[in-house]
Amino acid sequence: MAPRPPGSRPLRTLLAALVAASVAVPVSGAARPSAVPAPVPVALAPLRSPGPGALAERYAVNRDSIRAAERMAEGHGDRARADALRVMAGPARQFLSFDGRNGGRTVEVVGDLARADRIAVLVPGSDTNLDRYERLRAGATALRQELGDRSAIVAWVGYETPATMSTRVVTPGLAEEAAPRLRAFVREMAALRPPARITVLCHSYGSVVCGRAAPGLDASAIVLYGSPGAGAGSVAALHTRATVWAGRGDDDWIADVPHTQIQLPFFTLGLGADPVSPAFGARLFPAGAGGHSDYLAPGSVSLRNLARVVSGQAPAEEGHRA
């Protein structure tokens, strides 16, 4: 028997995943969140002042936009979407931007951005949309409670996240589209709060977004967790001055995903090297025994260490630079 060509097994595994996902698309497509109509959002000028008055005005404008989307979802007969939007429009919620179209784009602040000296930007992965947003918000709230005062957590759903059961989740295409938006947003945060330490926390497919945005990303640290890859083979290939951290829970199924990347004639298949591998070169943080969706769970090892990284401290049991 002829020897197996190097890399053929990861390629076959990736192609099998691609075929399986393409079969699943028609099944899941009918329930896609993009099917619910929403109004065109109000055009907003760049936020140039971090003062409480300017922020309150921005939050109020977006609250009105959320309520308008709620009314349209109600009229469309989607009670679940309308109920989700009603919760988001609550008086204590703080949205820097909102667009209810095509599954939704939102940027929400948990904490006092006007006074924060530590800002964490959460970049989520697949299936994060208006119908499933509250899980991300719960994680942001847990991280804010861990960090305490003088911190602000920004839940950044500023891009179209892929569906887990889709071909797009195994290619970097959506991440490439999202990267300039993430880079511009972090630059805006840095200009608003120059004294603040900014950390970008990147979960699952969000790691690919952060990897694409890394060159020029105005952050002190980039954290990749539950990552299928960052679209690169190493920290050096990210071309960033930020400190790059990586962690993975013991029960995270993402460990079984082929961490490779293959350039095919018309697209790239795969998401790059494993960020927790020694060859990648990230600083490692202990993430505990949790699974893929448990990194921001209250009381978890991963939450505690993510908070320490955001604060500029070493993890409780400091990982090493592999």
Protein backbone atom coordinates (compact mmCIF):
# COMPACT_ATOMS: atom_id res chain seq x y z
CA MET A 1 0.00 0.00 0.00
CA ALA A 2 1.33 3.43 -0.91
CA PRO A 3 2.13 5.70 2.04
CA ARG A 4 -0.51 8.24 2.95
CA PRO A 5 0.41 11.74 1.70
CA PRO A 6 1.23 14.16 4.51
CA GLY A 7 -1.83 16.07 5.64
CA SER A 8 -4.29 13.85 3.74
CA ARG A 9 -6.20 12.77 6.86
CA PRO A 10 -6.94 16.34 8.01
CA LEU A 11 -7.99 17.18 4.47
CA ARG A 12 -10.40 14.24 4.29
CA THR A 13 -11.81 15.10 7.71
CA LEU A 14 -12.36 18.71 6.72
CA LEU A 15 -13.97 17.75 3.44
CA ALA A 16 -16.27 15.34 5.28
CA ALA A 17 -17.28 18.14 7.64
CA LEU A 18 -17.90 20.41 4.68
CA VAL A 19 -20.14 17.86 2.98
CA ALA A 20 -22.05 17.14 6.19
CA ALA A 21 -22.60 20.83 6.79
CA SER A 22 -23.80 21.40 3.23
CA VAL A 23 -26.37 18.64 3.68
CA ALA A 24 -27.56 20.22 6.93
CA VAL A 25 -27.97 23.70 5.47
CA PRO A 26 -31.39 23.09 3.83
CA VAL A 27 -32.68 21.59 7.09
CA SER A 28 -31.57 24.50 9.26
CA GLY A 29 -31.99 27.27 6.71
CA ALA A 30 -35.74 27.65 7.14
CA ALA A 31 -35.26 28.63 10.75
CA ARG A 32 -32.48 31.11 10.16
CA PRO A 33 -32.85 34.31 12.24
CA SER A 34 -32.38 36.38 9.08
CA ALA A 35 -35.93 35.47 8.06
CA VAL A 36 -37.40 38.00 10.50
CA PRO A 37 -37.66 41.53 9.03
CA ALA A 38 -36.28 44.57 10.86
CA PRO A 39 -36.13 48.31 10.11
CA VAL A 40 -33.10 50.06 8.71
CA PRO A 41 -31.15 51.37 11.72
CA VAL A 42 -30.65 55.05 12.43
CA ALA A 43 -27.36 56.34 11.01
CA LEU A 44 -25.10 57.27 13.92
CA ALA A 45 -22.05 59.50 13.89
CA PRO A 46 -18.87 58.13 15.50
CA LEU A 47 -18.95 58.38 19.27
CA ARG A 48 -16.35 61.00 20.16
CA SER A 49 -17.03 61.63 23.84
CA PRO A 50 -16.97 59.07 26.67
CA GLY A 51 -18.99 61.38 28.90
CA PRO A 52 -22.13 60.04 30.61
CA GLY A 53 -24.37 62.44 28.68
CA ALA A 54 -23.11 61.38 25.25
CA LEU A 55 -23.31 57.71 26.18
CA ALA A 56 -26.84 58.07 27.58
CA GLU A 57 -27.96 59.70 24.35
CA ARG A 58 -26.45 56.88 22.27
CA TYR A 59 -28.06 54.25 24.47
CA ALA A 60 -31.46 55.94 24.16
CA VAL A 61 -31.28 56.10 20.36
CA ASN A 62 -30.50 52.39 20.13
CA ARG A 63 -33.21 51.52 22.65
CA ASP A 64 -35.70 53.16 20.29
CA SER A 65 -34.26 51.14 17.39
CA ILE A 66 -34.66 47.91 19.34
CA ARG A 67 -38.28 48.77 20.14
CA ALA A 68 -38.95 49.46 16.46
CA ALA A 69 -37.50 46.06 15.58
CA GLU A 70 -39.64 44.48 18.29
CA ARG A 71 -42.79 45.96 16.76
CA MET A 72 -41.83 44.68 13.32
CA ALA A 73 -41.09 41.19 14.64
CA GLU A 74 -44.45 41.20 16.42
CA GLY A 75 -46.17 42.21 13.22
CA HIS A 76 -44.36 39.42 11.39
CA GLY A 77 -45.76 36.95 13.89
CA ASP A 78 -42.43 36.00 15.48
CA ARG A 79 -43.28 36.21 19.16
CA ALA A 80 -39.96 34.67 20.26
CA ARG A 81 -37.95 37.37 18.48
CA ALA A 82 -40.27 40.10 19.77
CA ASP A 83 -39.90 38.82 23.34
CA ALA A 84 -36.11 38.73 23.02
CA LEU A 85 -36.06 42.30 21.74
CA ARG A 86 -38.38 43.45 24.51
CA VAL A 87 -35.83 42.22 27.04
CA MET A 88 -32.99 43.93 25.17
CA ALA A 89 -34.88 47.23 25.21
CA GLY A 90 -35.00 47.31 29.01
CA PRO A 91 -34.12 50.65 30.65
CA ALA A 92 -30.88 49.34 32.17
CA ARG A 93 -29.45 48.04 28.89
CA GLN A 94 -26.69 50.00 27.12
CA PHE A 95 -26.30 49.48 23.37
CA LEU A 96 -23.70 51.40 21.39
CA SER A 97 -25.21 50.11 18.15
CA PHE A 98 -28.07 47.93 16.98
CA ASP A 99 -29.13 46.54 13.61
CA GLY A 100 -31.89 43.95 13.67
CA ARG A 101 -31.55 42.89 10.04
CA ASN A 102 -30.13 39.57 8.83
CA GLY A 103 -29.95 37.93 12.24
CA GLY A 104 -28.79 41.06 14.02
CA ARG A 105 -25.69 43.11 14.81
CA THR A 106 -25.37 44.49 18.32
CA VAL A 107 -22.75 46.13 20.51
CA GLU A 108 -23.71 46.27 24.18
CA VAL A 109 -21.84 47.65 27.18
CA VAL A 110 -22.05 46.01 30.60
CA GLY A 111 -20.58 48.42 33.15
CA ASP A 112 -19.66 52.10 33.14
CA LEU A 113 -17.72 52.84 29.96
CA ALA A 114 -17.25 56.49 30.98
CA ARG A 115 -15.14 55.48 34.00
CA ALA A 116 -13.63 52.17 32.95
CA ASP A 117 -9.90 51.62 33.13
CA ARG A 118 -10.25 47.99 31.97
CA ILE A 119 -12.28 47.24 28.83
CA ALA A 120 -12.89 43.72 27.60
CA VAL A 121 -14.34 43.25 24.11
CA LEU A 122 -16.08 39.87 23.71
CA VAL A 123 -16.02 38.52 20.14
CA PRO A 124 -18.40 35.54 19.95
CA GLY A 125 -18.48 32.58 17.61
CA SER A 126 -21.05 30.72 15.56
CA ASP A 127 -24.81 30.94 16.05
CA THR A 128 -24.65 34.19 18.03
CA ASN A 129 -27.64 36.22 16.90
CA LEU A 130 -30.62 38.07 18.32
CA ASP A 131 -32.45 34.86 19.17
CA ARG A 132 -29.48 33.48 21.14
CA TYR A 133 -27.89 36.69 22.33
CA GLU A 134 -28.73 36.52 26.04
CA ARG A 135 -26.18 33.76 26.65
CA LEU A 136 -23.41 36.09 25.52
CA ARG A 137 -24.85 38.88 27.64
CA ALA A 138 -24.91 36.58 30.67
CA GLY A 139 -21.23 35.85 30.12
CA ALA A 140 -20.45 39.55 29.87
CA THR A 141 -22.31 40.15 33.13
CA ALA A 142 -20.41 37.35 34.88
CA LEU A 143 -17.07 38.76 33.71
CA ARG A 144 -18.04 42.25 34.88
CA GLN A 145 -18.93 40.89 38.31
CA GLU A 146 -15.58 39.10 38.48
CA LEU A 147 -13.69 42.27 37.53
CA GLY A 148 -15.68 44.69 39.68
CA ASP A 149 -15.85 48.47 39.38
CA ARG A 150 -13.84 50.50 36.88
CA SER A 151 -14.37 47.82 34.25
CA ALA A 152 -16.62 47.64 31.20
CA ILE A 153 -17.41 44.57 29.12
CA VAL A 154 -18.46 45.10 25.52
CA ALA A 155 -20.39 42.28 23.85
CA TRP A 156 -19.45 42.85 20.21
CA VAL A 157 -21.70 41.08 17.74
CA GLY A 158 -20.52 43.27 14.91
CA TYR A 159 -20.51 40.66 12.18
CA GLU A 160 -22.59 37.90 10.64
CA THR A 161 -21.68 34.83 12.65
CA PRO A 162 -21.75 31.51 10.80
CA ALA A 163 -24.24 28.80 11.60
CA THR A 164 -22.56 25.82 13.23
CA MET A 165 -24.21 23.54 10.70
CA SER A 166 -23.03 25.36 7.61
CA THR A 167 -20.11 25.30 5.22
CA ARG A 168 -19.11 28.83 6.24
CA VAL A 169 -18.01 27.74 9.70
CA VAL A 170 -14.98 25.88 8.29
CA THR A 171 -13.73 28.75 6.12
CA PRO A 172 -12.36 32.18 7.14
CA GLY A 173 -14.56 34.16 4.74
CA LEU A 174 -16.90 35.72 7.30
CA ALA A 175 -13.95 36.49 9.56
CA GLU A 176 -12.20 38.35 6.76
CA GLU A 177 -15.30 40.50 6.29
CA ALA A 178 -15.60 41.13 10.04
CA ALA A 179 -11.95 41.95 10.79
CA PRO A 180 -11.93 45.59 9.56
CA ARG A 181 -15.05 46.32 11.63
CA LEU A 182 -13.51 44.86 14.77
CA ARG A 183 -10.28 46.76 14.21
CA ALA A 184 -12.18 50.03 13.73
CA PHE A 185 -14.31 49.43 16.83
CA VAL A 186 -11.35 48.72 19.10
CA ARG A 187 -9.64 51.83 17.72
CA GLU A 188 -12.74 53.83 18.65
CA MET A 189 -12.68 52.43 22.20
CA ALA A 190 -9.00 53.29 22.54
CA ALA A 191 -9.68 56.87 21.42
CA LEU A 192 -12.63 57.21 23.84
CA ARG A 193 -10.73 55.92 26.88
CA PRO A 194 -6.98 56.41 26.25
CA PRO A 195 -6.00 55.39 29.81
CA ALA A 196 -7.91 52.11 29.64
CA ARG A 197 -6.34 48.71 29.12
CA ILE A 198 -8.22 46.96 26.29
CA THR A 199 -8.34 43.18 25.98
CA VAL A 200 -10.10 41.36 23.14
CA LEU A 201 -11.57 38.00 24.18
CA CYS A 202 -12.23 35.73 21.22
CA HIS A 203 -14.37 32.61 21.54
CA SER A 204 -14.68 29.80 19.01
CA TYR A 205 -15.09 31.20 15.45
CA GLY A 206 -14.52 34.64 17.01
CA SER A 207 -10.87 33.55 17.24
CA VAL A 208 -10.71 33.57 13.46
CA VAL A 209 -12.12 37.11 13.42
CA CYS A 210 -9.51 38.23 15.95
CA GLY A 211 -6.74 36.51 14.04
CA ARG A 212 -7.67 38.35 10.86
CA ALA A 213 -8.00 41.65 12.78
CA ALA A 214 -4.79 41.21 14.80
CA PRO A 215 -2.45 43.32 12.64
CA GLY A 216 -3.03 46.85 13.90
CA LEU A 217 -5.54 45.82 16.58
CA ASP A 218 -5.21 48.48 19.28
CA ALA A 219 -5.34 46.12 22.28
CA SER A 220 -2.99 45.10 25.07
CA ALA A 221 -3.94 41.44 24.81
CA ILE A 222 -5.80 39.04 22.52
CA VAL A 223 -7.23 35.91 24.14
CA LEU A 224 -8.21 32.89 22.04
CA TYR A 225 -10.36 30.31 23.83
CA GLY A 226 -12.40 27.38 22.63
CA SER A 227 -10.66 28.11 19.35
CA PRO A 228 -10.80 26.11 16.11
CA GLY A 229 -7.86 28.22 14.89
CA ALA A 230 -7.01 31.84 14.33
CA GLY A 231 -6.46 31.67 10.60
CA ALA A 232 -2.70 31.55 11.12
CA GLY A 233 0.04 29.08 11.91
CA SER A 234 1.61 30.91 14.83
CA VAL A 235 1.56 34.01 17.00
CA ALA A 236 4.27 35.52 14.80
CA ALA A 237 2.00 35.11 11.77
CA LEU A 238 -0.66 37.27 13.47
CA HIS A 239 1.66 40.31 13.17
CA THR A 240 0.44 41.90 16.38
CA ARG A 241 2.10 43.76 19.23
CA ALA A 242 -0.57 42.51 21.63
CA THR A 243 0.18 39.68 24.02
CA VAL A 244 -1.58 36.57 22.72
CA TRP A 245 -3.12 34.15 25.22
CA ALA A 246 -4.88 30.84 24.56
CA GLY A 247 -6.82 28.33 26.65
CA ARG A 248 -9.10 25.35 26.23
CA GLY A 249 -11.33 23.55 28.72
CA ASP A 250 -10.73 19.87 29.32
CA ASP A 251 -14.20 18.94 28.04
CA ASP A 252 -14.26 21.23 25.00
CA TRP A 253 -15.12 19.26 21.86
CA ILE A 254 -13.19 21.80 19.76
CA ALA A 255 -10.04 19.81 20.61
CA ASP A 256 -11.22 17.15 18.13
CA VAL A 257 -11.60 19.57 15.22
CA PRO A 258 -8.77 19.29 12.64
CA HIS A 259 -6.59 22.35 13.22
CA THR A 260 -5.23 22.92 9.76
CA GLN A 261 -5.72 25.14 6.74
CA ILE A 262 -5.68 24.20 3.09
CA GLN A 263 -5.74 26.61 0.16
CA LEU A 264 -8.06 25.27 -2.53
CA PRO A 265 -8.54 26.86 -5.98
CA PHE A 266 -11.49 29.07 -5.02
CA PHE A 267 -11.48 29.24 -1.22
CA THR A 268 -9.56 28.39 1.94
CA LEU A 269 -10.67 25.32 3.89
CA GLY A 270 -9.86 25.11 7.60
CA LEU A 271 -9.02 27.69 10.23
CA GLY A 272 -5.34 27.25 11.01
CA ALA A 273 -3.13 25.81 13.73
CA ASP A 274 -4.30 24.95 17.23
CA PRO A 275 -3.70 28.04 19.40
CA VAL A 276 -2.93 25.92 22.48
CA SER A 277 -0.32 23.84 20.67
CA PRO A 278 3.36 24.40 21.55
CA ALA A 279 4.16 25.37 17.95
CA PHE A 280 1.64 28.22 17.93
CA GLY A 281 3.51 30.08 20.67
CA ALA A 282 0.70 31.67 22.70
CA ARG A 283 0.83 32.13 26.45
CA LEU A 284 -1.43 29.51 27.97
CA PHE A 285 -3.96 30.03 30.75
CA PRO A 286 -5.65 27.22 32.71
CA ALA A 287 -9.28 26.93 31.58
CA GLY A 288 -10.48 24.23 33.95
CA ALA A 289 -12.68 21.26 33.16
CA GLY A 290 -15.47 23.10 31.32
CA GLY A 291 -16.90 22.53 27.87
CA HIS A 292 -17.15 24.71 24.81
CA SER A 293 -19.82 27.04 26.20
CA ASP A 294 -18.56 27.24 29.78
CA TYR A 295 -15.67 29.71 29.65
CA LEU A 296 -17.64 32.60 31.15
CA ALA A 297 -19.60 30.50 33.64
CA PRO A 298 -19.75 32.10 37.12
CA GLY A 299 -17.25 30.56 39.52
CA SER A 300 -15.29 28.76 36.81
CA VAL A 301 -11.51 28.55 36.58
CA SER A 302 -11.66 29.96 33.06
CA LEU A 303 -13.71 33.02 34.10
CA ARG A 304 -11.34 33.76 36.96
CA ASN A 305 -8.29 33.55 34.72
CA LEU A 306 -9.87 35.54 31.89
CA ALA A 307 -10.57 38.30 34.41
CA ARG A 308 -6.96 38.22 35.56
CA VAL A 309 -5.71 38.55 31.98
CA VAL A 310 -8.09 41.48 31.38
CA SER A 311 -6.65 43.11 34.51
CA GLY A 312 -3.09 42.63 33.30
CA GLN A 313 -2.29 39.95 35.86
CA ALA A 314 -0.92 36.46 35.41
CA PRO A 315 -3.47 33.63 35.56
CA ALA A 316 -3.93 31.93 38.93
CA GLU A 317 -1.73 29.10 37.70
CA GLU A 318 0.26 30.87 35.02
CA GLY A 319 0.52 29.07 31.74
CA HIS A 320 3.81 29.04 29.91
CA ARG A 321 4.86 30.35 26.56
CA ALA A 322 5.03 27.12 24.66
